[in-house]
């Protein structure tokens, strides 16, 4: 494996670290395969990949319980796979096939899984906040001890709905964890040019709640800190704001060449690649060998190739699908 910056000794147990590495590899190879399929014109519309941000989703959602809700932005493939969403159904959704997780109707920006209580990816910037705190309100109403994970990008920080929902969550004691995946850029604009106060965690003070800043490139730090945040939110039923400092290696979407940043900047962040660091830790602790890591990568690539083949062979949605799932046809 490539040389990376020295990794810290991990306190994560071997089995858990291997499990999380496998999930990060699945996301990485799934996204790389989706880029290739997009270039082959098998995927239409937009395609926003999670490459570089894998440790945020994997380290955070390691603490999710079945009743917990998760909602995010249009950069949603990684969280869907982290939660255990089917790679086959995910790739089929990208291909617009009826076997997709949203029956081919959502595409890249709108993955969804009722099974995993994944309330979807949302294309409107900040559109997920209301849904996220709604799930937190439901949890308090049902008394099921659930929390709501609300993922969003730094580009949504200036949206009024962010502040409105933070205020309401604090006012009503809603167990919502607002997780800002700060990948340094809102589309092509550096956050230093768009956000007056880039100390994102400090915004929590205005609502009387706790704020946390985490190195989102460090799987260990994400996992250990979020364990505490999730436990506290679950027990106190108070919201929290988490600033995850991460980075995306590609442009905002596949069609974005990323000319607003230098190659040197991107290469610097690649030295902190969470997948390479996790692999390095496993080898340093003699928990896995180089051959073991290669075997794991081969296994994951086979899963992704199977997903691509499944999507290729799946049928297009029939015409009658146009009028399905548009209106609720029953009264509760």
Foldseek 3Di string as FASTA:
>chain_A
DDAFPAFDQFPDDLVLLVVLLLLLLLLQLLLVVLLVCVVVVLFDDWAFGCAFLLLQLLLQCVPADQLAAEEEAQNPPSNCVSLPHALLQCVLLRSLDCSHQVRSPPHSRWHDDPRSNYHTHYHPALPCLVVQQVSQVVCVVVVPLYAGEYEHELLNVPPPSVVVSLQVCLVVLGLYEYEYAYQQDDQQHGVVVVPVDPPVQVVNVVNPAGGEEFASLASRRSNVVSNVVNVCSSVRSHYYYYYHHIHHLQGRTSVDRNPSDDPVVSVVSVSSHSSVSSVVSCVVVPVDDPVRVVVSSVVSSVSSVVSNVSSVPGHRDDPVCVPPPPDDPDDD
